[in-house]
Structure formats: structure tokens, C-alpha cells
Amino acid sequence: MPVSALFLASLALAAQPESSPAPVEDDNPVPEAQRSESDGRIVVEAPPTARERRRELRRMARDVIRRPRAGRTVGSYFRAICPKVFGIPDRPAKAIEDRMKSNAEELGVNRRDQSSNCRHNVSVIFVPPEKGPAEAWLTYESDLLKHLLSFQRLRVINEKDPVRAWGHDVVRTSDGGQSQDFVGRSISQAADFGNRAFFASRLLSATMVEIVGSVVMIELESAQGKTLHQLADYASMRSFANTAAIDPDTQPSAPTILTLFQDEDPPEELTAFDRAFISMLYDTSRNALKSRFYGNIATRALRMEQEDQAASGGD
């Protein structure tokens, strides 16, 4: 997808020094006494049970995944991740690309395809100030969004962060082949609603969704003060799974790198939830129903939280 022509002007982004990961915080602290403002009573709130916590994490996974169309499953890459960074000097751009490739290898994204000699399929673009704020970059009629359906375009242009991100996906049959109409022509996206491939299962979908390309556009000014690891991990989270941005008016149930442009003290790298999210997305069957993805991600995120608490001496 040609994108670099939009950004002929670029500003230098100095490479930020690597930061050591922030210490793991206990997500289930000892109950604290809270004073009611109405009558001065002391109210003690217990931490959530494992079942309640899993339910919270499942809701978060559901909100983070851009919900697929009815009858479709969650999209993921089949080909190896091959990022290309535009709009900043070569040295920091290469550092971000290498970090994203490392994330893909570590979290199992590239197990389906070898990453050597891969073709560019993820574009991370740092947009200079002269292009204006994020809300001025794209419109419903922008050429870059023409391959998206109407509701997908609205998701992109209505995003609130200084970022615009989207993926290009195609519908495959359950074995990874191209969907076809009744005369054998390949179909995808808006034309595939009439395809009703038979599949004798209530637990799996007759089709799967493959992400074939992603774009992440970031305001260059907003990137100032962020480390290269933070920027690379944020781009990984937005592109590997075609995730949605976190609503700035809501408090996420778990720390996530998706709050990089919202929090005063954001995570230094992919969090336990983020790692569980990406790794479980690629460990779950490609044609599983979306509810299976939500549940599997929540289960792994809860286990990782519990392991972190045990390692830090928490109860």
C-alpha cells in the first residue's frame, strides 16, 4: 500500500535512551479502608475473585479487538510481520523495525511464516507538524481508506488519540483458500456477504480473516518524549492484531501500552495483558468464533497476572 508519498517532509526524532521496565505492580492489593464522604463510615472493599477478574479482562479484550462483522472471526496475520518506518531518520526507524520484529518472534506471531526475506506489510508513519493534527489527515473519502468498508472508515477517522491506525484484511475459507461465488470467482469484503460455505461446526467459523497489511500513523510531535521501545511496542499492539484505541474517557481494567498517548506515566513496554493478548490471538484457532478469542485472552492474561504477583511476593 503506497503511503510514503503523503509524507515528503519529515522531522528528526532523536533516539530516546532505553528505559528499564517499570516494576510489576500488584493488581490485587490488600483491601484498603475507604471513608464514605456521605456519612463518614469506613468501607472495606475486597479485591475481585479470580472469576471476577477474568470477567473484567474478557471485557477488556472484547473492547480492544475491533469487533468483526457478524459471522466473521477475528483477523490475524498469516505472513511474517515485516514493518517499515517512515518520517524519521534511518537509525531510530531501524530500531523500531527491529523491536517490532523481535516482538513478533517472541510472541509467536511469525510462527506461521519465516521472517527472513519478508515483504513489507506494516507501515508506521510519523507525520510532521506541517500536515496538521491527526483529525486533518484523513476523511471518509481519502484514497488510503477506499479499501475499507464504511463502518471501518468511521472507526479510523473518529479515533481520539494523535494516531490513526487500520488494517487491510481479506476473507479466506476455513482452510485458508480464497472465498468464491457460485460461478467460481474470488470474492472478498463487501461482496462476500452472500457466500455461505457449509461447515459442520457450531464452535468454528466456515471462514477466517487474514490481515494482509496495516498502517499506523503517529503525530511526530506527540512522539517526542517517548522511548523507541514504547513507540515500537505501541505500533506492534496496533498492527499485529488490528486493535482499537483505548477510549480516553474510560479506565482500562489492566495496564496496556495502548494508553501511551493518554497517561502521564504510561507503561515502558508491552504489559502482561498486551503480551497475553497478542500471543493468545495467534495461539487460538484462526477460524474460532470471536467469543473463544475473548475467553482465551482473558484466561492467559489472568494467569500471567497471578504469576507476576507470585514472583513479586504478592498473595
Protein backbone atom coordinates (compact mmCIF):
# COMPACT_ATOMS: atom_id res chain seq x y z
CA MET A 1 0.00 0.00 0.00
CA PRO A 2 1.73 3.19 -1.07
CA VAL A 3 1.78 5.60 1.80
CA SER A 4 5.13 7.37 1.82
CA ALA A 5 4.14 9.80 -0.93
CA LEU A 6 1.89 11.59 1.54
CA PHE A 7 4.78 12.48 3.75
CA LEU A 8 7.60 14.08 1.77
CA ALA A 9 8.58 16.31 4.69
CA SER A 10 9.89 14.76 7.89
CA LEU A 11 11.46 15.99 11.09
CA ALA A 12 14.22 14.37 13.05
CA LEU A 13 13.20 12.27 16.04
CA ALA A 14 16.12 11.82 18.40
CA ALA A 15 16.61 8.28 19.60
CA GLN A 16 15.44 8.10 23.17
CA PRO A 17 17.52 6.05 25.62
CA GLU A 18 16.19 2.68 26.51
CA SER A 19 14.39 2.55 29.81
CA SER A 20 14.36 -0.34 32.20
CA PRO A 21 10.90 -1.89 32.62
CA ALA A 22 8.80 -0.47 35.39
CA PRO A 23 8.37 -2.80 38.38
CA VAL A 24 5.35 -5.03 38.22
CA GLU A 25 2.54 -3.66 40.32
CA ASP A 26 0.23 -5.81 42.37
CA ASP A 27 -3.13 -5.72 40.60
CA ASN A 28 -4.89 -7.29 43.59
CA PRO A 29 -3.64 -5.33 46.60
CA VAL A 30 -4.65 -5.91 50.18
CA PRO A 31 -8.08 -4.29 50.65
CA GLU A 32 -7.82 -0.68 51.66
CA ALA A 33 -10.19 1.05 54.02
CA GLN A 34 -12.11 3.79 52.26
CA ARG A 35 -14.07 6.53 54.00
CA SER A 36 -17.54 7.28 52.70
CA GLU A 37 -17.95 11.01 52.05
CA SER A 38 -21.67 10.87 52.84
CA ASP A 39 -21.66 9.60 56.42
CA GLY A 40 -18.01 9.09 57.36
CA ARG A 41 -18.30 5.29 57.60
CA ILE A 42 -15.31 3.12 56.78
CA VAL A 43 -15.98 0.81 53.81
CA VAL A 44 -13.65 -2.12 53.14
CA GLU A 45 -13.65 -3.43 49.56
CA ALA A 46 -12.26 -6.88 48.82
CA PRO A 47 -10.22 -7.50 45.67
CA PRO A 48 -12.05 -9.31 42.87
CA THR A 49 -12.09 -13.08 42.83
CA ALA A 50 -10.28 -14.92 40.04
CA ARG A 51 -13.59 -15.42 38.27
CA GLU A 52 -14.50 -11.73 38.56
CA ARG A 53 -11.04 -10.68 37.42
CA ARG A 54 -11.23 -12.96 34.39
CA ARG A 55 -14.58 -11.39 33.50
CA GLU A 56 -13.00 -7.91 33.67
CA LEU A 57 -10.13 -8.99 31.43
CA ARG A 58 -12.53 -10.62 28.98
CA ARG A 59 -14.47 -7.39 28.64
CA MET A 60 -11.23 -5.51 28.03
CA ALA A 61 -10.18 -8.00 25.34
CA ARG A 62 -13.57 -7.59 23.67
CA ASP A 63 -13.19 -3.79 23.71
CA VAL A 64 -9.62 -3.83 22.40
CA ILE A 65 -10.36 -6.13 19.47
CA ARG A 66 -12.05 -4.28 16.65
CA ARG A 67 -15.22 -6.32 16.62
CA PRO A 68 -15.59 -8.29 13.37
CA ARG A 69 -18.69 -8.31 11.22
CA ALA A 70 -21.45 -10.78 12.05
CA GLY A 71 -20.43 -14.28 11.03
CA ARG A 72 -16.73 -13.39 10.84
CA THR A 73 -13.89 -14.31 13.13
CA VAL A 74 -11.01 -12.20 14.46
CA GLY A 75 -8.34 -11.25 11.91
CA SER A 76 -4.63 -12.01 12.22
CA TYR A 77 -1.55 -12.12 10.03
CA PHE A 78 -0.59 -15.31 8.24
CA ARG A 79 2.56 -13.91 6.62
CA ALA A 80 5.52 -12.81 8.75
CA ILE A 81 5.47 -9.27 10.11
CA CYS A 82 7.73 -7.00 8.03
CA PRO A 83 7.49 -3.39 9.29
CA LYS A 84 8.74 -0.24 7.55
CA VAL A 85 9.01 3.09 9.39
CA PHE A 86 8.63 6.42 7.57
CA GLY A 87 9.09 10.05 8.58
CA ILE A 88 12.09 9.79 10.92
CA PRO A 89 15.85 9.25 10.37
CA ASP A 90 17.15 5.82 9.45
CA ARG A 91 18.73 4.96 12.80
CA PRO A 92 15.63 5.31 15.04
CA ALA A 93 13.46 3.91 12.25
CA LYS A 94 15.61 0.77 12.12
CA ALA A 95 15.46 0.44 15.91
CA ILE A 96 11.65 0.50 15.84
CA GLU A 97 11.52 -2.01 12.99
CA ASP A 98 13.88 -4.39 14.79
CA ARG A 99 11.91 -4.14 18.03
CA MET A 100 8.64 -4.92 16.22
CA LYS A 101 10.21 -7.93 14.52
CA SER A 102 11.54 -9.11 17.89
CA ASN A 103 8.05 -8.78 19.40
CA ALA A 104 6.57 -10.80 16.55
CA GLU A 105 9.11 -13.59 17.02
CA GLU A 106 8.86 -13.67 20.82
CA LEU A 107 5.04 -13.68 20.92
CA GLY A 108 4.56 -16.30 18.22
CA VAL A 109 3.16 -14.02 15.52
CA ASN A 110 5.66 -15.27 12.94
CA ARG A 111 5.42 -18.99 13.64
CA ARG A 112 3.24 -19.47 10.55
CA ASP A 113 5.79 -17.94 8.20
CA GLN A 114 9.51 -17.28 8.30
CA SER A 115 10.52 -13.66 8.84
CA SER A 116 13.60 -13.80 6.60
CA ASN A 117 13.20 -12.04 3.25
CA CYS A 118 9.68 -10.95 4.21
CA ARG A 119 7.75 -8.38 2.19
CA HIS A 120 6.80 -5.00 3.71
CA ASN A 121 3.31 -5.35 5.17
CA VAL A 122 3.24 -2.94 8.15
CA SER A 123 3.73 0.83 7.69
CA VAL A 124 4.49 3.03 10.71
CA ILE A 125 4.40 6.68 9.67
CA PHE A 126 5.46 9.64 11.80
CA VAL A 127 3.55 12.62 10.45
CA PRO A 128 5.30 16.03 10.65
CA PRO A 129 3.54 19.06 12.19
CA GLU A 130 3.02 20.77 8.82
CA LYS A 131 0.49 18.06 7.95
CA GLY A 132 -1.73 19.31 10.77
CA PRO A 133 -3.32 17.41 13.67
CA ALA A 134 -4.49 13.82 13.34
CA GLU A 135 -8.08 14.80 12.66
CA ALA A 136 -6.95 16.63 9.49
CA TRP A 137 -5.09 13.71 7.90
CA LEU A 138 -7.95 11.61 6.61
CA THR A 139 -11.57 11.93 5.55
CA TYR A 140 -14.22 9.41 4.68
CA GLU A 141 -13.27 9.82 1.00
CA SER A 142 -9.48 9.50 1.42
CA ASP A 143 -7.80 7.20 -1.08
CA LEU A 144 -5.93 5.43 1.70
CA LEU A 145 -9.23 4.22 3.17
CA LYS A 146 -11.01 3.20 -0.03
CA HIS A 147 -10.44 -0.48 0.59
CA LEU A 148 -12.27 -0.28 3.94
CA LEU A 149 -15.99 -0.69 4.48
CA SER A 150 -17.98 2.33 5.65
CA PHE A 151 -18.03 1.40 9.33
CA GLN A 152 -14.31 0.66 9.23
CA ARG A 153 -13.55 4.10 7.77
CA LEU A 154 -15.57 5.74 10.54
CA ARG A 155 -13.57 3.83 13.16
CA VAL A 156 -10.37 5.32 11.74
CA ILE A 157 -11.41 8.93 11.31
CA ASN A 158 -13.22 9.08 14.67
CA GLU A 159 -10.22 7.95 16.71
CA LYS A 160 -9.36 10.39 19.52
CA ASP A 161 -5.64 9.73 20.07
CA PRO A 162 -2.95 11.53 17.98
CA VAL A 163 -2.84 8.30 15.99
CA ARG A 164 -4.75 6.78 13.08
CA ALA A 165 -4.42 3.04 12.52
CA TRP A 166 -6.14 0.44 10.38
CA GLY A 167 -5.60 -2.90 8.73
CA HIS A 168 -6.45 -4.37 5.36
CA ASP A 169 -7.92 -7.84 5.69
CA VAL A 170 -9.31 -10.46 3.35
CA VAL A 171 -11.75 -13.29 3.97
CA ARG A 172 -10.48 -16.83 3.49
CA THR A 173 -12.16 -20.21 3.62
CA SER A 174 -11.66 -22.36 6.71
CA ASP A 175 -8.57 -23.96 5.15
CA GLY A 176 -7.04 -20.62 4.13
CA GLY A 177 -8.15 -20.55 0.49
CA GLN A 178 -9.97 -17.72 -1.29
CA SER A 179 -13.73 -17.46 -0.95
CA GLN A 180 -15.60 -17.90 -4.22
CA ASP A 181 -19.06 -17.10 -5.50
CA PHE A 182 -21.38 -19.59 -7.20
CA VAL A 183 -19.51 -19.33 -10.52
CA GLY A 184 -16.05 -19.71 -9.00
CA ARG A 185 -14.96 -16.06 -8.89
CA SER A 186 -12.88 -14.97 -5.90
CA ILE A 187 -14.78 -12.63 -3.61
CA SER A 188 -13.88 -10.62 -0.55
CA GLN A 189 -15.02 -7.77 1.70
CA ALA A 190 -18.32 -6.14 0.72
CA ALA A 191 -19.16 -8.78 -1.90
CA ASP A 192 -18.69 -11.78 0.36
CA PHE A 193 -21.87 -11.43 2.39
CA GLY A 194 -23.68 -13.84 0.06
CA ASN A 195 -21.09 -16.58 0.41
CA ARG A 196 -22.43 -19.30 2.65
CA ALA A 197 -19.80 -22.04 2.74
CA PHE A 198 -21.02 -25.15 4.54
CA PHE A 199 -19.14 -26.01 7.72
CA ALA A 200 -20.42 -28.67 10.11
CA SER A 201 -19.49 -26.98 13.39
CA ARG A 202 -21.08 -24.63 15.88
CA LEU A 203 -17.73 -23.89 17.51
CA LEU A 204 -15.75 -22.85 14.44
CA SER A 205 -16.42 -20.44 11.59
CA ALA A 206 -16.58 -21.52 7.95
CA THR A 207 -14.23 -18.65 7.13
CA MET A 208 -11.17 -16.97 8.57
CA VAL A 209 -9.93 -13.39 8.26
CA GLU A 210 -6.34 -12.67 7.24
CA ILE A 211 -4.70 -9.29 7.79
CA VAL A 212 -2.53 -8.58 4.75
CA GLY A 213 -1.38 -5.05 5.64
CA SER A 214 -1.53 -2.45 8.42
CA VAL A 215 -0.89 1.29 8.73
CA VAL A 216 -0.13 3.19 11.94
CA MET A 217 0.13 7.00 11.60
CA ILE A 218 1.51 8.89 14.61
CA GLU A 219 1.88 12.64 15.20
CA LEU A 220 5.61 13.33 15.29
CA GLU A 221 5.20 15.99 17.98
CA SER A 222 3.25 13.56 20.20
CA ALA A 223 6.06 11.02 19.84
CA GLN A 224 8.55 13.41 21.46
CA GLY A 225 9.43 12.21 24.94
CA LYS A 226 8.54 8.57 24.20
CA THR A 227 11.23 5.92 24.02
CA LEU A 228 11.77 3.94 20.84
CA HIS A 229 10.73 0.81 22.73
CA GLN A 230 7.44 2.41 23.73
CA LEU A 231 6.72 3.54 20.17
CA ALA A 232 7.63 0.15 18.72
CA ASP A 233 5.52 -1.73 21.25
CA TYR A 234 2.56 0.59 20.70
CA ALA A 235 2.83 0.08 16.93
CA SER A 236 3.08 -3.68 17.49
CA MET A 237 -0.11 -3.72 19.54
CA ARG A 238 -2.00 -1.64 16.99
CA SER A 239 -0.84 -3.56 13.91
CA PHE A 240 -0.36 -7.22 14.85
CA ALA A 241 -3.99 -7.59 15.82
CA ASN A 242 -5.66 -4.56 14.22
CA THR A 243 -6.70 -3.38 17.66
CA ALA A 244 -8.78 -0.37 18.60
CA ALA A 245 -7.50 2.56 20.61
CA ILE A 246 -8.44 2.80 24.28
CA ASP A 247 -11.25 5.24 24.88
CA PRO A 248 -9.61 8.10 26.84
CA ASP A 249 -12.81 8.54 28.85
CA THR A 250 -12.62 5.02 30.30
CA GLN A 251 -10.20 3.34 32.70
CA PRO A 252 -8.82 0.08 31.27
CA SER A 253 -9.08 -2.97 33.54
CA ALA A 254 -5.35 -3.67 33.19
CA PRO A 255 -2.25 -1.67 32.25
CA THR A 256 -1.66 -1.57 28.49
CA ILE A 257 0.74 0.15 26.10
CA LEU A 258 -2.37 1.36 24.27
CA THR A 259 -2.55 4.23 26.79
CA LEU A 260 0.86 5.54 25.63
CA PHE A 261 -0.59 8.84 24.38
CA GLN A 262 -3.07 9.24 27.21
CA ASP A 263 -1.30 8.56 30.51
CA GLU A 264 1.20 10.88 32.14
CA ASP A 265 3.14 7.80 33.25
CA PRO A 266 2.43 5.15 30.58
CA PRO A 267 3.93 1.63 30.55
CA GLU A 268 7.55 1.36 29.42
CA GLU A 269 6.81 -1.63 27.18
CA LEU A 270 4.21 -4.26 26.36
CA THR A 271 2.39 -5.18 29.56
CA ALA A 272 1.29 -8.61 30.76
CA PHE A 273 -2.14 -8.01 29.24
CA ASP A 274 -0.63 -6.92 25.91
CA ARG A 275 1.59 -9.99 25.72
CA ALA A 276 -1.28 -12.26 26.63
CA PHE A 277 -3.45 -10.54 24.05
CA ILE A 278 -1.05 -10.93 21.13
CA SER A 279 0.26 -14.39 21.97
CA MET A 280 -3.20 -15.85 22.59
CA LEU A 281 -4.56 -14.27 19.43
CA TYR A 282 -2.02 -16.30 17.47
CA ASP A 283 -2.39 -19.44 19.62
CA THR A 284 -6.16 -19.62 19.07
CA SER A 285 -7.52 -21.40 16.01
CA ARG A 286 -7.80 -18.96 13.11
CA ASN A 287 -11.43 -19.89 12.47
CA ALA A 288 -12.56 -19.94 16.10
CA LEU A 289 -15.58 -17.81 16.97
CA LYS A 290 -14.79 -14.37 18.36
CA SER A 291 -16.05 -15.33 21.82
CA ARG A 292 -13.35 -18.01 22.00
CA PHE A 293 -10.68 -15.35 21.39
CA TYR A 294 -12.05 -13.15 24.18
CA GLY A 295 -12.12 -16.02 26.67
CA ASN A 296 -8.69 -17.40 25.76
CA ILE A 297 -7.04 -13.98 26.04
CA ALA A 298 -8.65 -13.36 29.43
CA THR A 299 -7.53 -16.75 30.75
CA ARG A 300 -3.92 -16.20 29.72
CA ALA A 301 -3.87 -12.60 30.98
CA LEU A 302 -5.19 -13.72 34.37
CA ARG A 303 -2.56 -16.46 34.63
CA MET A 304 0.22 -14.01 33.76
CA GLU A 305 -1.05 -11.56 36.37
CA GLN A 306 -1.06 -14.29 39.01
CA GLU A 307 2.45 -15.38 38.05
CA ASP A 308 3.68 -11.78 38.31
CA GLN A 309 2.07 -11.41 41.74
CA ALA A 310 3.67 -14.63 42.96
CA ALA A 311 7.06 -13.57 41.64
CA SER A 312 6.80 -10.22 43.43
CA GLY A 313 5.75 -11.82 46.72
CA GLY A 314 2.07 -10.86 46.47
CA ASP A 315 -0.77 -13.00 47.75
